[in-house]
């Protein structure tokens, strides 16, 4: 199998998310049905920073988990058996926040399929978020493909 890259337009053709909730800018490497690496630029102009610790803004953890999930969505929805489905969060496990993510940071997200129940269309991906090469967050996201 070959490695794939995707720009924003290709990402939009795969996942249903749109601004302001589209949180993946590009796929820099994907091994279909196995693993993916994406990037996301944390734009300082995002409205969330006006209210989330405005004196020292930080990306909320729920956004970080959503970034992990969307990266996983792209990987899973690229599988022919799930094409056209809608990924729905059904679980978040073992999530650890290890490093602060600030406006202006560029994140690199790594996700790999770790469990799949094709009969129920449930997939768990183990994901890691790196901020400047430092592990910022890790955990498992489980998605139901409906």
Protein backbone atom coordinates (compact mmCIF):
# COMPACT_ATOMS: atom_id res chain seq x y z
CA UNK A 1 0.00 0.00 0.00
CA UNK A 2 1.22 3.50 -0.75
CA UNK A 3 1.48 6.51 1.54
CA UNK A 4 -1.00 9.33 0.91
CA UNK A 5 -1.03 13.11 1.49
CA UNK A 6 -4.09 15.37 1.55
CA UNK A 7 -4.69 19.08 1.35
CA UNK A 8 -7.66 20.83 2.95
CA UNK A 9 -9.96 20.30 -0.03
CA UNK A 10 -9.35 16.54 -0.03
CA UNK A 11 -9.96 16.45 3.74
CA UNK A 12 -13.29 18.25 3.26
CA UNK A 13 -14.28 15.63 0.69
CA UNK A 14 -13.85 12.92 3.37
CA UNK A 15 -15.05 14.31 6.71
CA UNK A 16 -18.23 16.37 7.30
CA UNK A 17 -16.63 18.97 9.61
CA UNK A 18 -16.47 22.62 8.52
CA UNK A 19 -15.28 25.91 10.04
CA UNK A 20 -15.18 26.74 12.84
CA UNK A 21 -15.01 23.05 13.88
CA UNK A 22 -12.74 21.68 11.14
CA UNK A 23 -9.52 21.12 13.10
CA UNK A 24 -7.21 19.39 10.58
CA UNK A 25 -5.31 21.47 8.01
CA UNK A 26 -3.44 18.76 6.12
CA UNK A 27 -2.57 15.09 6.11
CA UNK A 28 1.18 14.74 5.75
CA UNK A 29 1.22 10.94 5.66
CA UNK A 30 -1.38 8.19 5.71
CA UNK A 31 -1.09 4.45 5.38
CA UNK A 32 -4.68 3.51 4.50
CA UNK A 33 -6.37 1.22 7.03
CA UNK A 34 -3.42 1.60 9.42
CA UNK A 35 -2.12 5.03 10.47
CA UNK A 36 -2.16 8.76 9.75
CA UNK A 37 -0.18 11.90 10.53
CA UNK A 38 -1.89 15.28 10.23
CA UNK A 39 -1.15 18.90 11.11
CA UNK A 40 -3.20 21.70 12.59
CA UNK A 41 -2.21 25.33 13.03
CA UNK A 42 -3.66 26.86 16.21
CA UNK A 43 -4.74 30.22 14.82
CA UNK A 44 -4.43 32.98 17.47
CA UNK A 45 -7.54 34.64 15.96
CA UNK A 46 -9.83 31.74 16.98
CA UNK A 47 -12.71 33.15 18.99
CA UNK A 48 -12.21 30.56 21.77
CA UNK A 49 -9.11 32.42 22.97
CA UNK A 50 -11.13 35.53 23.89
CA UNK A 51 -12.64 33.60 26.79
CA UNK A 52 -10.34 30.70 27.61
CA UNK A 53 -7.79 32.28 29.94
CA UNK A 54 -7.61 35.55 27.94
CA UNK A 55 -4.57 36.78 29.87
CA UNK A 56 -2.65 33.60 29.03
CA UNK A 57 -4.65 31.79 26.32
CA UNK A 58 -4.45 28.02 25.98
CA UNK A 59 -6.25 25.63 23.64
CA UNK A 60 -9.01 23.85 25.58
CA UNK A 61 -8.47 20.13 26.14
CA UNK A 62 -11.77 19.30 24.47
CA UNK A 63 -10.45 20.89 21.26
CA UNK A 64 -7.30 18.79 21.51
CA UNK A 65 -9.37 15.61 21.83
CA UNK A 66 -11.52 16.73 18.88
CA UNK A 67 -8.35 17.24 16.81
CA UNK A 68 -7.35 13.64 17.65
CA UNK A 69 -10.84 12.41 16.71
CA UNK A 70 -10.95 14.28 13.39
CA UNK A 71 -7.55 12.92 12.40
CA UNK A 72 -8.87 9.45 13.24
CA UNK A 73 -12.06 10.19 11.27
CA UNK A 74 -10.03 10.86 8.13
CA UNK A 75 -8.16 7.57 8.53
CA UNK A 76 -11.32 5.55 9.15
CA UNK A 77 -13.51 7.22 6.52
CA UNK A 78 -10.76 6.57 3.97
CA UNK A 79 -11.47 2.85 4.41
CA UNK A 80 -13.85 1.76 1.66
CA UNK A 81 -16.13 -0.05 4.15
CA UNK A 82 -16.82 3.22 6.02
CA UNK A 83 -16.92 5.67 3.11
CA UNK A 84 -19.96 7.92 3.33
CA UNK A 85 -20.61 7.16 7.01
CA UNK A 86 -20.74 9.74 9.81
CA UNK A 87 -18.24 9.22 12.64
CA UNK A 88 -19.77 9.68 16.10
CA UNK A 89 -17.78 9.84 19.34
CA UNK A 90 -18.73 7.00 21.68
CA UNK A 91 -15.67 6.88 23.91
CA UNK A 92 -12.55 8.66 25.10
CA UNK A 93 -10.10 6.64 27.19
CA UNK A 94 -6.71 7.11 28.84
CA UNK A 95 -6.40 10.74 27.71
CA UNK A 96 -3.47 12.57 29.28
CA UNK A 97 -2.63 16.23 28.72
CA UNK A 98 1.13 16.64 28.99
CA UNK A 99 2.03 20.01 27.47
CA UNK A 100 0.22 23.33 27.04
CA UNK A 101 -0.99 24.22 23.53
CA UNK A 102 -0.97 27.96 22.86
CA UNK A 103 -2.15 30.22 20.04
CA UNK A 104 0.32 30.13 17.16
CA UNK A 105 1.44 26.54 17.77
CA UNK A 106 1.43 23.98 14.96
CA UNK A 107 0.41 20.51 16.09
CA UNK A 108 1.33 17.19 14.56
CA UNK A 109 -1.18 14.42 15.23
CA UNK A 110 -0.43 10.69 14.93
CA UNK A 111 -3.28 8.19 14.98
CA UNK A 112 -3.37 4.44 14.45
CA UNK A 113 -6.26 1.97 14.37
CA UNK A 114 -5.89 -0.14 17.52
CA UNK A 115 -9.25 -1.96 17.63
CA UNK A 116 -12.03 -2.55 15.14
CA UNK A 117 -15.38 -4.32 15.38
CA UNK A 118 -16.57 -4.36 11.78
CA UNK A 119 -19.89 -6.04 12.69
CA UNK A 120 -20.86 -3.01 14.78
CA UNK A 121 -18.81 -0.45 12.79
CA UNK A 122 -16.89 0.62 15.90
CA UNK A 123 -13.25 1.69 15.67
CA UNK A 124 -10.79 2.77 18.36
CA UNK A 125 -7.72 4.77 17.43
CA UNK A 126 -4.74 5.51 19.63
CA UNK A 127 -3.65 9.09 19.04
CA UNK A 128 -0.84 11.42 20.07
CA UNK A 129 -0.58 15.18 19.64
CA UNK A 130 2.88 16.73 19.38
CA UNK A 131 3.59 20.42 19.86
CA UNK A 132 7.00 21.36 18.49
CA UNK A 133 8.13 17.76 18.84
CA UNK A 134 6.96 17.53 22.47
CA UNK A 135 4.14 15.11 23.36
CA UNK A 136 1.23 17.37 24.36
CA UNK A 137 -1.64 14.87 24.59
CA UNK A 138 -2.27 11.16 24.12
CA UNK A 139 -5.23 8.84 24.39
CA UNK A 140 -7.74 6.60 22.67
CA UNK A 141 -10.83 7.78 20.79
CA UNK A 142 -13.61 5.34 19.90
CA UNK A 143 -15.95 6.13 17.04
CA UNK A 144 -19.15 4.55 15.78
CA UNK A 145 -19.56 4.80 12.04
CA UNK A 146 -23.23 5.53 11.27
